[in-house]
Protein backbone atom coordinates (compact mmCIF):
# COMPACT_ATOMS: atom_id res chain seq x y z
CA UNK A 1 -186.92 -38.09 10.17
CA UNK A 2 -186.20 -37.04 6.57
CA UNK A 3 -190.02 -37.38 5.84
CA UNK A 4 -190.71 -35.12 8.73
CA UNK A 5 -188.13 -32.65 7.45
CA UNK A 6 -189.71 -32.68 3.92
CA UNK A 7 -193.17 -32.11 5.37
CA UNK A 8 -191.85 -29.28 7.27
CA UNK A 9 -190.03 -27.90 4.21
CA UNK A 10 -193.44 -28.14 2.31
CA UNK A 11 -195.03 -26.42 5.14
CA UNK A 12 -192.55 -23.59 5.05
CA UNK A 13 -192.87 -23.40 1.26
CA UNK A 14 -196.69 -23.01 1.63
CA UNK A 15 -196.37 -20.30 4.28
CA UNK A 16 -193.71 -18.34 2.20
CA UNK A 17 -195.99 -18.47 -0.84
CA UNK A 18 -199.00 -17.03 1.16
CA UNK A 19 -196.64 -14.39 2.67
CA UNK A 20 -195.57 -13.44 -0.81
CA UNK A 21 -199.12 -12.88 -1.66
CA UNK A 22 -199.67 -10.42 1.13
CA UNK A 23 -201.13 -12.72 3.93
CA UNK A 24 -200.21 -11.05 7.02
CA UNK A 25 -201.00 -14.22 9.07
CA UNK A 26 -198.46 -16.14 7.13
CA UNK A 27 -195.79 -13.55 7.68
CA UNK A 28 -196.53 -13.51 11.21
CA UNK A 29 -196.21 -17.28 11.22
CA UNK A 30 -192.66 -16.87 9.57
CA UNK A 31 -191.75 -14.44 12.27
CA UNK A 32 -192.84 -16.97 15.01
CA UNK A 33 -191.07 -19.90 13.39
CA UNK A 34 -187.72 -18.08 12.98
CA UNK A 35 -187.50 -15.39 15.63
CA UNK A 36 -185.96 -17.59 18.16
CA UNK A 37 -183.29 -19.10 16.15
CA UNK A 38 -182.33 -15.72 14.55
CA UNK A 39 -182.31 -13.89 17.80
CA UNK A 40 -180.01 -16.67 19.19
CA UNK A 41 -177.90 -16.28 16.14
CA UNK A 42 -177.52 -12.53 16.34
CA UNK A 43 -176.95 -12.61 20.28
CA UNK A 44 -174.23 -15.04 19.96
CA UNK A 45 -172.53 -12.85 17.31
CA UNK A 46 -173.14 -9.52 19.14
CA UNK A 47 -173.16 -10.49 22.70
CA UNK A 48 -175.63 -7.85 23.48
CA UNK A 49 -179.38 -8.13 23.66
CA UNK A 50 -180.20 -4.72 22.42
CA UNK A 51 -178.01 -5.17 19.28
CA UNK A 52 -179.41 -8.58 18.61
CA UNK A 53 -183.05 -7.23 18.97
CA UNK A 54 -182.07 -4.26 16.60
CA UNK A 55 -180.75 -6.75 14.15
CA UNK A 56 -183.62 -9.09 14.32
CA UNK A 57 -186.07 -6.03 13.69
CA UNK A 58 -184.10 -4.94 10.72
CA UNK A 59 -184.10 -8.54 9.43
CA UNK A 60 -187.85 -8.98 9.68
CA UNK A 61 -188.34 -5.58 8.07
CA UNK A 62 -186.14 -6.56 5.14
CA UNK A 63 -188.12 -9.93 5.03
CA UNK A 64 -191.26 -8.04 4.69
CA UNK A 65 -189.81 -5.75 1.95
CA UNK A 66 -188.21 -8.35 -0.07
CA UNK A 67 -189.94 -11.75 0.53
CA UNK A 68 -191.28 -11.57 -2.94
CA UNK A 69 -187.72 -11.69 -4.38
CA UNK A 70 -186.94 -15.09 -2.73
CA UNK A 71 -187.81 -18.54 -4.08
CA UNK A 72 -190.00 -20.24 -1.51
CA UNK A 73 -188.08 -23.46 -1.81
CA UNK A 74 -184.85 -21.57 -0.66
CA UNK A 75 -186.42 -19.28 1.94
CA UNK A 76 -184.37 -20.37 4.86
CA UNK A 77 -181.10 -20.01 3.01
CA UNK A 78 -182.24 -16.62 1.77
CA UNK A 79 -183.28 -15.58 5.19
CA UNK A 80 -180.09 -16.60 7.00
CA UNK A 81 -177.98 -15.06 4.00
CA UNK A 82 -179.82 -11.68 4.58
CA UNK A 83 -179.15 -12.15 8.44
CA UNK A 84 -175.44 -12.65 7.70
CA UNK A 85 -175.36 -9.74 5.42
CA UNK A 86 -176.94 -7.59 7.94
CA UNK A 87 -174.41 -8.84 10.67
CA UNK A 88 -171.56 -7.89 8.17
CA UNK A 89 -173.04 -4.45 7.94
CA UNK A 90 -173.40 -4.21 11.62
CA UNK A 91 -169.66 -5.00 11.97
CA UNK A 92 -168.68 -2.38 9.57
CA UNK A 93 -170.71 0.28 11.01
CA UNK A 94 -169.51 -0.73 14.62
CA UNK A 95 -165.84 -0.37 13.18
CA UNK A 96 -166.40 2.97 11.75
CA UNK A 97 -168.11 4.25 14.81
CA UNK A 98 -165.31 2.93 17.02
CA UNK A 99 -162.70 4.74 14.94
CA UNK A 100 -164.58 7.87 15.28
CA UNK A 101 -164.87 7.53 19.08
CA UNK A 102 -161.19 6.75 19.56
CA UNK A 103 -158.30 6.12 17.19
CA UNK A 104 -156.46 4.66 20.05
CA UNK A 105 -158.80 1.86 20.72
CA UNK A 106 -158.26 -0.86 18.17
CA UNK A 107 -160.94 -3.36 19.21
CA UNK A 108 -163.56 -2.27 21.68
CA UNK A 109 -165.47 -5.43 21.68
CA UNK A 110 -162.70 -7.32 23.48
CA UNK A 111 -163.00 -4.79 26.30
CA UNK A 112 -166.81 -5.10 26.71
CA UNK A 113 -167.92 -7.86 28.98
CA UNK A 114 -170.74 -10.01 27.49
CA UNK A 115 -173.94 -10.32 29.49
CA UNK A 116 -173.72 -13.05 32.11
CA UNK A 117 -176.40 -15.72 31.77
CA UNK A 118 -175.63 -17.32 35.20
CA UNK A 119 -174.35 -20.40 33.64
CA UNK A 120 -170.57 -20.55 33.90
CA UNK A 121 -169.80 -22.86 31.08
CA UNK A 122 -172.19 -20.59 28.75
CA UNK A 123 -170.37 -17.41 29.92
CA UNK A 124 -167.14 -18.85 29.37
CA UNK A 125 -167.88 -20.19 25.88
CA UNK A 126 -169.22 -16.69 24.98
CA UNK A 127 -166.26 -14.97 26.04
CA UNK A 128 -163.85 -17.48 24.04
CA UNK A 129 -166.17 -17.28 21.04
CA UNK A 130 -165.55 -13.47 20.83
CA UNK A 131 -161.91 -14.22 20.48
CA UNK A 132 -162.50 -15.91 17.11
CA UNK A 133 -162.56 -13.98 13.83
CA UNK A 134 -165.96 -12.92 13.32
CA UNK A 135 -166.43 -14.91 10.16
CA UNK A 136 -165.28 -18.01 12.00
CA UNK A 137 -167.47 -17.41 15.07
CA UNK A 138 -170.56 -16.65 12.70
CA UNK A 139 -170.16 -20.03 10.90
CA UNK A 140 -169.91 -21.83 14.30
CA UNK A 141 -172.98 -20.06 15.62
CA UNK A 142 -174.94 -20.61 12.45
CA UNK A 143 -173.92 -24.43 12.48
CA UNK A 144 -174.42 -25.21 16.15
CA UNK A 145 -176.72 -22.60 17.59
CA UNK A 146 -179.06 -21.92 14.56
CA UNK A 147 -178.74 -25.58 13.41
CA UNK A 148 -177.89 -25.03 9.89
CA UNK A 149 -176.58 -28.13 8.05
CA UNK A 150 -173.17 -28.07 6.40
CA UNK A 151 -174.86 -28.14 2.97
CA UNK A 152 -177.17 -25.08 4.03
CA UNK A 153 -173.88 -23.30 5.23
CA UNK A 154 -172.19 -23.95 2.06
CA UNK A 155 -175.31 -22.62 -0.06
CA UNK A 156 -175.55 -19.66 2.26
CA UNK A 157 -171.88 -18.66 2.08
CA UNK A 158 -171.50 -19.60 -1.62
CA UNK A 159 -168.55 -21.83 -0.80
CA UNK A 160 -167.62 -25.45 -1.51
CA UNK A 161 -168.96 -27.75 1.37
CA UNK A 162 -165.21 -28.80 2.10
CA UNK A 163 -164.35 -25.20 2.68
CA UNK A 164 -167.20 -24.81 5.27
CA UNK A 165 -166.23 -28.12 6.91
CA UNK A 166 -162.67 -27.04 7.16
CA UNK A 167 -163.56 -23.55 8.61
CA UNK A 168 -165.90 -25.11 11.17
CA UNK A 169 -163.33 -27.84 12.15
CA UNK A 170 -160.63 -25.17 12.59
CA UNK A 171 -162.92 -22.88 14.53
CA UNK A 172 -163.91 -25.67 16.85
CA UNK A 173 -160.22 -26.64 17.36
CA UNK A 174 -159.36 -22.99 18.10
CA UNK A 175 -162.34 -22.52 20.41
CA UNK A 176 -161.42 -25.71 22.24
CA UNK A 177 -157.80 -24.57 22.69
CA UNK A 178 -159.17 -21.16 24.01
CA UNK A 179 -161.42 -23.07 26.43
CA UNK A 180 -158.54 -24.98 27.78
CA UNK A 181 -156.31 -22.12 28.06
CA UNK A 182 -158.92 -20.29 30.18
CA UNK A 183 -158.80 -23.08 32.63
CA UNK A 184 -155.18 -22.43 33.55
């Protein structure tokens, strides 16, 4: 399995190097390779297809503009760090917008129903995930939906691996409590 991951990593490095040299096909391959994971990442954090698509478009635009600034061997961490920064900016903008729209409304996102998938458990999980702090929800989505390792999360967040492990553990514990409470 590690050999397969190393071969995939080398392939990504080669594709990134070509994209950095202006190869449009290589850039398209990167978009194809990461669009599903990143769309899922944004959707699980925003609970809205339009917002997820908007963030994904912004991310690929930033990737196109700044791919020369990243090291090919750390491309995936760079890409997810950029995605995380975009999501943080999205939250800030959303909060400013919400304050302008209504000072009385403290947290509009708890009032908006997530899109229904038709899968009861997935819908329930989505609702409960929204009740977590945004940072905790983001880490859980990055770990389990985007399939980043704890080491990758630690590098991405600039935190010790123990801190990341602790946040994920506490987040999963809280999510489990929320899921059990919603059964009552």
